[in-house]
Amino acid sequence: MAEEADRKPVLSKKIDKFFTGLASAWSFVRRFFKEVFLPPYELKEVFHQCYRIGVESLPLISLTGFIVGIVFTNQSRPSLSEFGATSWLPSLISIAVVRAMGPLVTALIAAGKMGSSIGAEIGSMKVTEQIDAMEVSATNPFKFLVVTRVLATTFMIPVLVMYTDFVALMGSFLSVNANENVSMTTFFVEVFESISFLDINSSVLKSLLFGFTIGIVGCYKGYNSSKGTEGVGRAANSAVVMAMFLIFIEELLVLQIVNAIRMM
């Protein structure tokens, strides 16, 4: 310990700490992919976490998705009405919601709600030495705590995204119906004519990436939190910030790939 404290940094303390953190995170992710295929499979805990992430998030997701649909429709209407193109509203809303807004809004809400919860929960178990107690009792804490939560977020975020898309489109329909007197049949015919399988597939792919990112970041920050209650709060906070940052980067990367495919 004294040698590590006296060791001179290779570049600088901040840069060395950054690369050390990258190596630690890579080792954590690699361990996840190793553990996920090895028995025992904690299916009961996976289903429990799916319930927590999915069902318990429905009220917040429902309200947010509904408001997003109404607000985006009302914001888009004045611009389209200048060109006499308010009939394009269903197509515009469906493309925006399915391609970008649905996955992004859902992932950001889940990062704030579940990312912080996972980081704080595992961090508190680390601080109170419950993880050490699980190891003593011949239980694999990494598989029980990390693998189950990452699988749950990876599986449930795509489901929540599809639900958010539906709720947002229903909110948009109510706004369009109230102002343009468009029937539900006409609205959803235009919606499904505007989106393609590539849009749906890219939305599902992004949702899987977002879910994995939220789960793995929250577990990593909690599993490696420092001792003390301050470390638990820092783990929860950094889990949310890092997950949101990575979500935006993944959104940008997937968008570039999908646009390249679309132009072929």
C-alpha atoms as a PDB file:
ATOM      1  CA  MET A   1       0.000   0.000   0.000  1.00  0.00           C
ATOM      2  CA  ALA A   2       2.829   2.394   0.813  1.00  0.00           C
ATOM      3  CA  GLU A   3       4.533   1.594  -2.495  1.00  0.00           C
ATOM      4  CA  GLU A   4       1.323   2.308  -4.420  1.00  0.00           C
ATOM      5  CA  ALA A   5       0.878   5.608  -2.602  1.00  0.00           C
ATOM      6  CA  ASP A   6       4.477   6.635  -3.337  1.00  0.00           C
ATOM      7  CA  ARG A   7       4.427   5.472  -6.955  1.00  0.00           C
ATOM      8  CA  LYS A   8       4.852   8.332  -9.409  1.00  0.00           C
ATOM      9  CA  PRO A   9       2.125   8.760 -12.035  1.00  0.00           C
ATOM     10  CA  VAL A  10       3.006   7.778 -15.604  1.00  0.00           C
ATOM     11  CA  LEU A  11       1.342  10.843 -17.150  1.00  0.00           C
ATOM     12  CA  SER A  12      -0.605  12.562 -14.401  1.00  0.00           C
ATOM     13  CA  LYS A  13      -2.789  11.439 -11.508  1.00  0.00           C
ATOM     14  CA  LYS A  14      -6.041  12.261 -13.331  1.00  0.00           C
ATOM     15  CA  ILE A  15      -5.011  10.590 -16.594  1.00  0.00           C
ATOM     16  CA  ASP A  16      -3.692   7.509 -14.788  1.00  0.00           C
ATOM     17  CA  LYS A  17      -6.916   7.315 -12.770  1.00  0.00           C
ATOM     18  CA  PHE A  18      -8.968   7.583 -15.979  1.00  0.00           C
ATOM     19  CA  PHE A  19      -7.185   4.698 -17.710  1.00  0.00           C
ATOM     20  CA  THR A  20      -7.225   2.629 -14.528  1.00  0.00           C
ATOM     21  CA  GLY A  21     -10.986   3.158 -14.347  1.00  0.00           C
ATOM     22  CA  LEU A  22     -11.362   2.071 -17.995  1.00  0.00           C
ATOM     23  CA  ALA A  23      -9.405  -1.109 -17.302  1.00  0.00           C
ATOM     24  CA  SER A  24     -11.513  -1.828 -14.213  1.00  0.00           C
ATOM     25  CA  ALA A  25     -14.760  -1.237 -16.128  1.00  0.00           C
ATOM     26  CA  TRP A  26     -13.626  -3.491 -18.986  1.00  0.00           C
ATOM     27  CA  SER A  27     -12.751  -6.237 -16.491  1.00  0.00           C
ATOM     28  CA  PHE A  28     -16.201  -5.825 -14.887  1.00  0.00           C
ATOM     29  CA  VAL A  29     -18.010  -6.118 -18.254  1.00  0.00           C
ATOM     30  CA  ARG A  30     -15.894  -9.108 -19.267  1.00  0.00           C
ATOM     31  CA  ARG A  31     -16.716 -10.823 -15.986  1.00  0.00           C
ATOM     32  CA  PHE A  32     -20.424 -10.226 -16.617  1.00  0.00           C
ATOM     33  CA  PHE A  33     -20.320 -11.973 -20.010  1.00  0.00           C
ATOM     34  CA  LYS A  34     -18.430 -14.837 -18.382  1.00  0.00           C
ATOM     35  CA  GLU A  35     -20.828 -15.238 -15.456  1.00  0.00           C
ATOM     36  CA  VAL A  36     -24.046 -14.874 -17.467  1.00  0.00           C
ATOM     37  CA  PHE A  37     -23.535 -18.211 -19.228  1.00  0.00           C
ATOM     38  CA  LEU A  38     -22.430 -20.182 -16.156  1.00  0.00           C
ATOM     39  CA  PRO A  39     -24.836 -21.922 -13.715  1.00  0.00           C
ATOM     40  CA  PRO A  40     -26.549 -21.442 -11.375  1.00  0.00           C
ATOM     41  CA  TYR A  41     -29.066 -19.264 -13.203  1.00  0.00           C
ATOM     42  CA  GLU A  42     -30.878 -16.955 -10.782  1.00  0.00           C
ATOM     43  CA  LEU A  43     -34.123 -16.868 -12.785  1.00  0.00           C
ATOM     44  CA  LYS A  44     -36.305 -16.029  -9.798  1.00  0.00           C
ATOM     45  CA  GLU A  45     -34.221 -12.941  -9.042  1.00  0.00           C
ATOM     46  CA  VAL A  46     -34.190 -11.976 -12.741  1.00  0.00           C
ATOM     47  CA  PHE A  47     -38.012 -12.034 -12.835  1.00  0.00           C
ATOM     48  CA  HIS A  48     -38.148 -10.080  -9.583  1.00  0.00           C
ATOM     49  CA  GLN A  49     -35.882  -7.380 -11.016  1.00  0.00           C
ATOM     50  CA  CYS A  50     -37.904  -7.339 -14.264  1.00  0.00           C
ATOM     51  CA  TYR A  51     -41.000  -6.623 -12.189  1.00  0.00           C
ATOM     52  CA  ARG A  52     -39.248  -3.820 -10.309  1.00  0.00           C
ATOM     53  CA  ILE A  53     -37.865  -2.228 -13.451  1.00  0.00           C
ATOM     54  CA  GLY A  54     -40.877  -2.755 -15.667  1.00  0.00           C
ATOM     55  CA  VAL A  55     -44.121  -2.715 -13.708  1.00  0.00           C
ATOM     56  CA  GLU A  56     -43.045  -0.214 -11.061  1.00  0.00           C
ATOM     57  CA  SER A  57     -41.875   2.209 -13.768  1.00  0.00           C
ATOM     58  CA  LEU A  58     -45.166   2.181 -15.689  1.00  0.00           C
ATOM     59  CA  PRO A  59     -46.837   5.177 -13.954  1.00  0.00           C
ATOM     60  CA  LEU A  60     -43.873   7.487 -14.571  1.00  0.00           C
ATOM     61  CA  ILE A  61     -43.319   6.172 -18.108  1.00  0.00           C
ATOM     62  CA  SER A  62     -47.021   6.528 -18.936  1.00  0.00           C
ATOM     63  CA  LEU A  63     -47.258  10.129 -17.778  1.00  0.00           C
ATOM     64  CA  THR A  64     -44.011  11.170 -19.453  1.00  0.00           C
ATOM     65  CA  GLY A  65     -44.782   9.450 -22.765  1.00  0.00           C
ATOM     66  CA  PHE A  66     -48.287  10.915 -22.899  1.00  0.00           C
ATOM     67  CA  ILE A  67     -47.006  14.436 -22.238  1.00  0.00           C
ATOM     68  CA  VAL A  68     -44.212  14.039 -24.805  1.00  0.00           C
ATOM     69  CA  GLY A  69     -46.732  13.067 -27.487  1.00  0.00           C
ATOM     70  CA  ILE A  70     -49.010  16.022 -26.789  1.00  0.00           C
ATOM     71  CA  VAL A  71     -46.225  18.598 -26.412  1.00  0.00           C
ATOM     72  CA  PHE A  72     -44.343  17.543 -29.548  1.00  0.00           C
ATOM     73  CA  THR A  73     -47.566  17.585 -31.580  1.00  0.00           C
ATOM     74  CA  ASN A  74     -48.511  21.050 -30.344  1.00  0.00           C
ATOM     75  CA  GLN A  75     -44.992  22.329 -30.979  1.00  0.00           C
ATOM     76  CA  SER A  76     -44.929  20.948 -34.531  1.00  0.00           C
ATOM     77  CA  ARG A  77     -48.382  22.141 -35.586  1.00  0.00           C
ATOM     78  CA  PRO A  78     -47.589  25.887 -36.041  1.00  0.00           C
ATOM     79  CA  SER A  79     -44.581  25.144 -38.282  1.00  0.00           C
ATOM     80  CA  LEU A  80     -46.547  22.747 -40.491  1.00  0.00           C
ATOM     81  CA  SER A  81     -49.613  25.017 -40.618  1.00  0.00           C
ATOM     82  CA  GLU A  82     -47.521  27.765 -42.237  1.00  0.00           C
ATOM     83  CA  PHE A  83     -47.177  25.492 -45.267  1.00  0.00           C
ATOM     84  CA  GLY A  84     -50.680  24.036 -45.041  1.00  0.00           C
ATOM     85  CA  ALA A  85     -49.207  20.648 -44.129  1.00  0.00           C
ATOM     86  CA  THR A  86     -50.890  19.828 -40.820  1.00  0.00           C
ATOM     87  CA  SER A  87     -52.035  16.552 -42.417  1.00  0.00           C
ATOM     88  CA  TRP A  88     -48.403  15.414 -42.106  1.00  0.00           C
ATOM     89  CA  LEU A  89     -48.541  15.550 -38.309  1.00  0.00           C
ATOM     90  CA  PRO A  90     -49.186  11.791 -37.775  1.00  0.00           C
ATOM     91  CA  SER A  91     -46.274  10.893 -40.049  1.00  0.00           C
ATOM     92  CA  LEU A  92     -43.947  13.410 -38.419  1.00  0.00           C
ATOM     93  CA  ILE A  93     -44.824  12.330 -34.882  1.00  0.00           C
ATOM     94  CA  SER A  94     -44.531   8.610 -35.626  1.00  0.00           C
ATOM     95  CA  ILE A  95     -41.073   8.992 -37.188  1.00  0.00           C
ATOM     96  CA  ALA A  96     -39.818  11.197 -34.354  1.00  0.00           C
ATOM     97  CA  VAL A  97     -41.236   8.984 -31.588  1.00  0.00           C
ATOM     98  CA  VAL A  98     -40.228   5.593 -32.987  1.00  0.00           C
ATOM     99  CA  ARG A  99     -36.785   6.578 -34.251  1.00  0.00           C
ATOM    100  CA  ALA A 100     -35.541   8.754 -31.423  1.00  0.00           C
ATOM    101  CA  MET A 101     -37.839  10.190 -28.777  1.00  0.00           C
ATOM    102  CA  GLY A 102     -39.349   6.964 -27.476  1.00  0.00           C
ATOM    103  CA  PRO A 103     -36.068   5.106 -26.811  1.00  0.00           C
ATOM    104  CA  LEU A 104     -34.242   8.215 -25.605  1.00  0.00           C
ATOM    105  CA  VAL A 105     -36.918   9.465 -23.204  1.00  0.00           C
ATOM    106  CA  THR A 106     -37.485   5.986 -21.770  1.00  0.00           C
ATOM    107  CA  ALA A 107     -33.767   5.363 -21.298  1.00  0.00           C
ATOM    108  CA  LEU A 108     -33.176   8.706 -19.591  1.00  0.00           C
ATOM    109  CA  ILE A 109     -36.080   8.142 -17.192  1.00  0.00           C
ATOM    110  CA  ALA A 110     -34.892   4.613 -16.450  1.00  0.00           C
ATOM    111  CA  ALA A 111     -31.339   5.861 -15.909  1.00  0.00           C
ATOM    112  CA  GLY A 112     -32.567   8.391 -13.390  1.00  0.00           C
ATOM    113  CA  LYS A 113     -34.966   6.041 -11.624  1.00  0.00           C
ATOM    114  CA  MET A 114     -33.371   2.599 -11.856  1.00  0.00           C
ATOM    115  CA  GLY A 115     -29.712   3.525 -12.392  1.00  0.00           C
ATOM    116  CA  SER A 116     -29.574   5.444  -9.142  1.00  0.00           C
ATOM    117  CA  SER A 117     -31.578   2.747  -7.342  1.00  0.00           C
ATOM    118  CA  ILE A 118     -29.240  -0.031  -8.476  1.00  0.00           C
ATOM    119  CA  GLY A 119     -26.135   1.993  -7.633  1.00  0.00           C
ATOM    120  CA  ALA A 120     -27.394   2.935  -4.187  1.00  0.00           C
ATOM    121  CA  GLU A 121     -28.703  -0.557  -3.370  1.00  0.00           C
ATOM    122  CA  ILE A 122     -25.507  -2.406  -4.303  1.00  0.00           C
ATOM    123  CA  GLY A 123     -23.385   0.399  -2.839  1.00  0.00           C
ATOM    124  CA  SER A 124     -25.121   0.123   0.522  1.00  0.00           C
ATOM    125  CA  MET A 125     -24.616  -3.650   0.485  1.00  0.00           C
ATOM    126  CA  LYS A 126     -20.938  -3.082  -0.253  1.00  0.00           C
ATOM    127  CA  VAL A 127     -20.587  -0.576   2.583  1.00  0.00           C
ATOM    128  CA  THR A 128     -22.372  -2.775   5.126  1.00  0.00           C
ATOM    129  CA  GLU A 129     -20.284  -5.783   4.022  1.00  0.00           C
ATOM    130  CA  GLN A 130     -23.336  -7.792   2.946  1.00  0.00           C
ATOM    131  CA  ILE A 131     -21.515  -8.724  -0.274  1.00  0.00           C
ATOM    132  CA  ASP A 132     -18.653 -10.165   1.767  1.00  0.00           C
ATOM    133  CA  ALA A 133     -21.184 -12.122   3.837  1.00  0.00           C
ATOM    134  CA  MET A 134     -22.688 -13.599   0.650  1.00  0.00           C
ATOM    135  CA  GLU A 135     -19.248 -14.784  -0.438  1.00  0.00           C
ATOM    136  CA  VAL A 136     -18.709 -16.430   2.946  1.00  0.00           C
ATOM    137  CA  SER A 137     -22.061 -18.217   2.671  1.00  0.00           C
ATOM    138  CA  ALA A 138     -21.015 -19.767  -0.688  1.00  0.00           C
ATOM    139  CA  THR A 139     -23.278 -17.453  -2.730  1.00  0.00           C
ATOM    140  CA  ASN A 140     -21.898 -15.775  -5.832  1.00  0.00           C
ATOM    141  CA  PRO A 141     -22.748 -12.101  -5.179  1.00  0.00           C
ATOM    142  CA  PHE A 142     -21.736 -11.025  -8.675  1.00  0.00           C
ATOM    143  CA  LYS A 143     -24.195 -13.397 -10.311  1.00  0.00           C
ATOM    144  CA  PHE A 144     -27.002 -12.716  -7.819  1.00  0.00           C
ATOM    145  CA  LEU A 145     -26.631  -8.923  -7.710  1.00  0.00           C
ATOM    146  CA  VAL A 146     -25.032  -7.864 -10.989  1.00  0.00           C
ATOM    147  CA  VAL A 147     -25.994 -10.422 -13.635  1.00  0.00           C
ATOM    148  CA  THR A 148     -29.664 -10.475 -12.663  1.00  0.00           C
ATOM    149  CA  ARG A 149     -30.019  -6.677 -12.678  1.00  0.00           C
ATOM    150  CA  VAL A 150     -28.194  -6.205 -15.970  1.00  0.00           C
ATOM    151  CA  LEU A 151     -30.298  -8.888 -17.652  1.00  0.00           C
ATOM    152  CA  ALA A 152     -33.478  -7.329 -16.252  1.00  0.00           C
ATOM    153  CA  THR A 153     -32.657  -3.839 -17.539  1.00  0.00           C
ATOM    154  CA  THR A 154     -31.576  -5.240 -20.913  1.00  0.00           C
ATOM    155  CA  PHE A 155     -34.827  -7.151 -21.341  1.00  0.00           C
ATOM    156  CA  MET A 156     -37.261  -4.605 -19.893  1.00  0.00           C
ATOM    157  CA  ILE A 157     -36.095  -1.337 -21.485  1.00  0.00           C
ATOM    158  CA  PRO A 158     -37.179  -2.478 -25.011  1.00  0.00           C
ATOM    159  CA  VAL A 159     -40.595  -3.433 -23.593  1.00  0.00           C
ATOM    160  CA  LEU A 160     -40.906  -0.052 -21.888  1.00  0.00           C
ATOM    161  CA  VAL A 161     -39.839   1.697 -25.099  1.00  0.00           C
ATOM    162  CA  MET A 162     -42.609   0.028 -27.097  1.00  0.00           C
ATOM    163  CA  TYR A 163     -45.084   0.994 -24.398  1.00  0.00           C
ATOM    164  CA  THR A 164     -43.788   4.578 -24.377  1.00  0.00           C
ATOM    165  CA  ASP A 165     -44.149   4.751 -28.177  1.00  0.00           C
ATOM    166  CA  PHE A 166     -47.773   3.654 -27.920  1.00  0.00           C
ATOM    167  CA  VAL A 167     -48.613   6.083 -25.112  1.00  0.00           C
ATOM    168  CA  ALA A 168     -46.891   8.979 -26.914  1.00  0.00           C
ATOM    169  CA  LEU A 169     -48.793   8.222 -30.127  1.00  0.00           C
ATOM    170  CA  MET A 170     -52.056   8.109 -28.180  1.00  0.00           C
ATOM    171  CA  GLY A 171     -51.286  11.515 -26.686  1.00  0.00           C
ATOM    172  CA  SER A 172     -50.487  12.830 -30.157  1.00  0.00           C
ATOM    173  CA  PHE A 173     -53.749  11.361 -31.493  1.00  0.00           C
ATOM    174  CA  LEU A 174     -55.808  13.162 -28.872  1.00  0.00           C
ATOM    175  CA  SER A 175     -54.176  16.457 -29.837  1.00  0.00           C
ATOM    176  CA  VAL A 176     -54.640  15.847 -33.567  1.00  0.00           C
ATOM    177  CA  ASN A 177     -58.212  14.654 -33.086  1.00  0.00           C
ATOM    178  CA  ALA A 178     -59.116  17.708 -31.010  1.00  0.00           C
ATOM    179  CA  ASN A 179     -57.674  20.196 -33.520  1.00  0.00           C
ATOM    180  CA  GLU A 180     -57.905  18.530 -36.953  1.00  0.00           C
ATOM    181  CA  ASN A 181     -60.814  16.142 -36.227  1.00  0.00           C
ATOM    182  CA  VAL A 182     -58.879  13.122 -37.527  1.00  0.00           C
ATOM    183  CA  SER A 183     -60.244   9.664 -36.716  1.00  0.00           C
ATOM    184  CA  MET A 184     -58.147   7.070 -34.902  1.00  0.00           C
ATOM    185  CA  THR A 185     -58.163   4.768 -37.941  1.00  0.00           C
ATOM    186  CA  THR A 186     -56.844   7.493 -40.255  1.00  0.00           C
ATOM    187  CA  PHE A 187     -54.242   8.590 -37.721  1.00  0.00           C
ATOM    188  CA  PHE A 188     -52.740   5.147 -37.165  1.00  0.00           C
ATOM    189  CA  VAL A 189     -52.864   4.238 -40.864  1.00  0.00           C
ATOM    190  CA  GLU A 190     -50.649   7.253 -41.544  1.00  0.00           C
ATOM    191  CA  VAL A 191     -48.465   6.371 -38.573  1.00  0.00           C
ATOM    192  CA  PHE A 192     -47.699   2.842 -39.785  1.00  0.00           C
ATOM    193  CA  GLU A 193     -47.253   3.945 -43.399  1.00  0.00           C
ATOM    194  CA  SER A 194     -44.463   6.298 -42.291  1.00  0.00           C
ATOM    195  CA  ILE A 195     -42.290   3.905 -40.313  1.00  0.00           C
ATOM    196  CA  SER A 196     -40.295   0.996 -41.700  1.00  0.00           C
ATOM    197  CA  PHE A 197     -38.872  -2.223 -40.300  1.00  0.00           C
ATOM    198  CA  LEU A 198     -35.479  -0.517 -40.180  1.00  0.00           C
ATOM    199  CA  ASP A 199     -36.931   2.112 -37.854  1.00  0.00           C
ATOM    200  CA  ILE A 200     -38.384  -0.556 -35.567  1.00  0.00           C
ATOM    201  CA  ASN A 201     -35.241  -2.703 -35.611  1.00  0.00           C
ATOM    202  CA  SER A 202     -32.984   0.268 -34.868  1.00  0.00           C
ATOM    203  CA  SER A 203     -35.293   1.299 -32.021  1.00  0.00           C
ATOM    204  CA  VAL A 204     -35.107  -2.191 -30.488  1.00  0.00           C
ATOM    205  CA  LEU A 205     -31.316  -2.294 -30.931  1.00  0.00           C
ATOM    206  CA  LYS A 206     -30.911   1.064 -29.209  1.00  0.00           C
ATOM    207  CA  SER A 207     -33.217  -0.046 -26.418  1.00  0.00           C
ATOM    208  CA  LEU A 208     -31.134  -3.159 -25.784  1.00  0.00           C
ATOM    209  CA  LEU A 209     -27.947  -1.074 -25.682  1.00  0.00           C
ATOM    210  CA  PHE A 210     -29.541   1.512 -23.403  1.00  0.00           C
ATOM    211  CA  GLY A 211     -30.839  -1.178 -21.039  1.00  0.00           C
ATOM    212  CA  PHE A 212     -27.477  -2.920 -20.852  1.00  0.00           C
ATOM    213  CA  THR A 213     -25.718   0.397 -20.257  1.00  0.00           C
ATOM    214  CA  ILE A 214     -28.056   1.431 -17.428  1.00  0.00           C
ATOM    215  CA  GLY A 215     -27.701  -1.920 -15.697  1.00  0.00           C
ATOM    216  CA  ILE A 216     -23.956  -2.384 -16.057  1.00  0.00           C
ATOM    217  CA  VAL A 217     -23.109   1.210 -15.076  1.00  0.00           C
ATOM    218  CA  GLY A 218     -25.354   1.144 -12.007  1.00  0.00           C
ATOM    219  CA  CYS A 219     -23.950  -2.209 -10.891  1.00  0.00           C
ATOM    220  CA  TYR A 220     -20.343  -1.169 -11.545  1.00  0.00           C
ATOM    221  CA  LYS A 221     -20.629   2.063  -9.591  1.00  0.00           C
ATOM    222  CA  GLY A 222     -22.357   0.353  -6.671  1.00  0.00           C
ATOM    223  CA  TYR A 223     -20.079  -2.692  -6.643  1.00  0.00           C
ATOM    224  CA  ASN A 224     -16.975  -0.494  -6.555  1.00  0.00           C
ATOM    225  CA  SER A 225     -18.255   2.189  -4.189  1.00  0.00           C
ATOM    226  CA  SER A 226     -15.994   3.351  -1.390  1.00  0.00           C
ATOM    227  CA  LYS A 227     -16.774   2.730   2.250  1.00  0.00           C
ATOM    228  CA  GLY A 228     -19.120   5.042   4.081  1.00  0.00           C
ATOM    229  CA  THR A 229     -22.504   6.567   3.395  1.00  0.00           C
ATOM    230  CA  GLU A 230     -20.871   9.267   1.283  1.00  0.00           C
ATOM    231  CA  GLY A 231     -19.664   6.580  -1.102  1.00  0.00           C
ATOM    232  CA  VAL A 232     -23.220   5.263  -1.531  1.00  0.00           C
ATOM    233  CA  GLY A 233     -24.523   8.691  -2.518  1.00  0.00           C
ATOM    234  CA  ARG A 234     -21.592   9.215  -4.869  1.00  0.00           C
ATOM    235  CA  ALA A 235     -22.213   5.813  -6.478  1.00  0.00           C
ATOM    236  CA  ALA A 236     -25.889   6.599  -7.103  1.00  0.00           C
ATOM    237  CA  ASN A 237     -25.115  10.030  -8.518  1.00  0.00           C
ATOM    238  CA  SER A 238     -22.253   8.919 -10.753  1.00  0.00           C
ATOM    239  CA  ALA A 239     -24.323   5.963 -12.031  1.00  0.00           C
ATOM    240  CA  VAL A 240     -27.012   8.323 -13.337  1.00  0.00           C
ATOM    241  CA  VAL A 241     -24.558  10.816 -14.858  1.00  0.00           C
ATOM    242  CA  MET A 242     -22.391   8.176 -16.543  1.00  0.00           C
ATOM    243  CA  ALA A 243     -25.386   6.191 -17.845  1.00  0.00           C
ATOM    244  CA  MET A 244     -26.965   9.288 -19.399  1.00  0.00           C
ATOM    245  CA  PHE A 245     -23.645  10.315 -20.960  1.00  0.00           C
ATOM    246  CA  LEU A 246     -23.165   6.873 -22.524  1.00  0.00           C
ATOM    247  CA  ILE A 247     -26.788   6.783 -23.710  1.00  0.00           C
ATOM    248  CA  PHE A 248     -26.289   9.950 -25.742  1.00  0.00           C
ATOM    249  CA  ILE A 249     -23.063   8.570 -27.233  1.00  0.00           C
ATOM    250  CA  GLU A 250     -24.794   5.308 -28.180  1.00  0.00           C
ATOM    251  CA  GLU A 251     -27.691   7.257 -29.683  1.00  0.00           C
ATOM    252  CA  LEU A 252     -25.257   9.151 -31.900  1.00  0.00           C
ATOM    253  CA  LEU A 253     -23.373   6.024 -32.984  1.00  0.00           C
ATOM    254  CA  VAL A 254     -26.492   3.986 -33.777  1.00  0.00           C
ATOM    255  CA  LEU A 255     -27.957   6.953 -35.675  1.00  0.00           C
ATOM    256  CA  GLN A 256     -24.876   7.153 -37.908  1.00  0.00           C
ATOM    257  CA  ILE A 257     -24.983   3.413 -38.600  1.00  0.00           C
ATOM    258  CA  VAL A 258     -28.695   3.397 -39.387  1.00  0.00           C
ATOM    259  CA  ASN A 259     -28.393   6.431 -41.672  1.00  0.00           C
ATOM    260  CA  ALA A 260     -25.549   4.698 -43.517  1.00  0.00           C
ATOM    261  CA  ILE A 261     -27.738   1.594 -43.966  1.00  0.00           C
ATOM    262  CA  ARG A 262     -30.680   3.709 -45.081  1.00  0.00           C
ATOM    263  CA  MET A 263     -28.578   5.379 -47.789  1.00  0.00           C
ATOM    264  CA  MET A 264     -27.465   2.045 -49.306  1.00  0.00           C
END
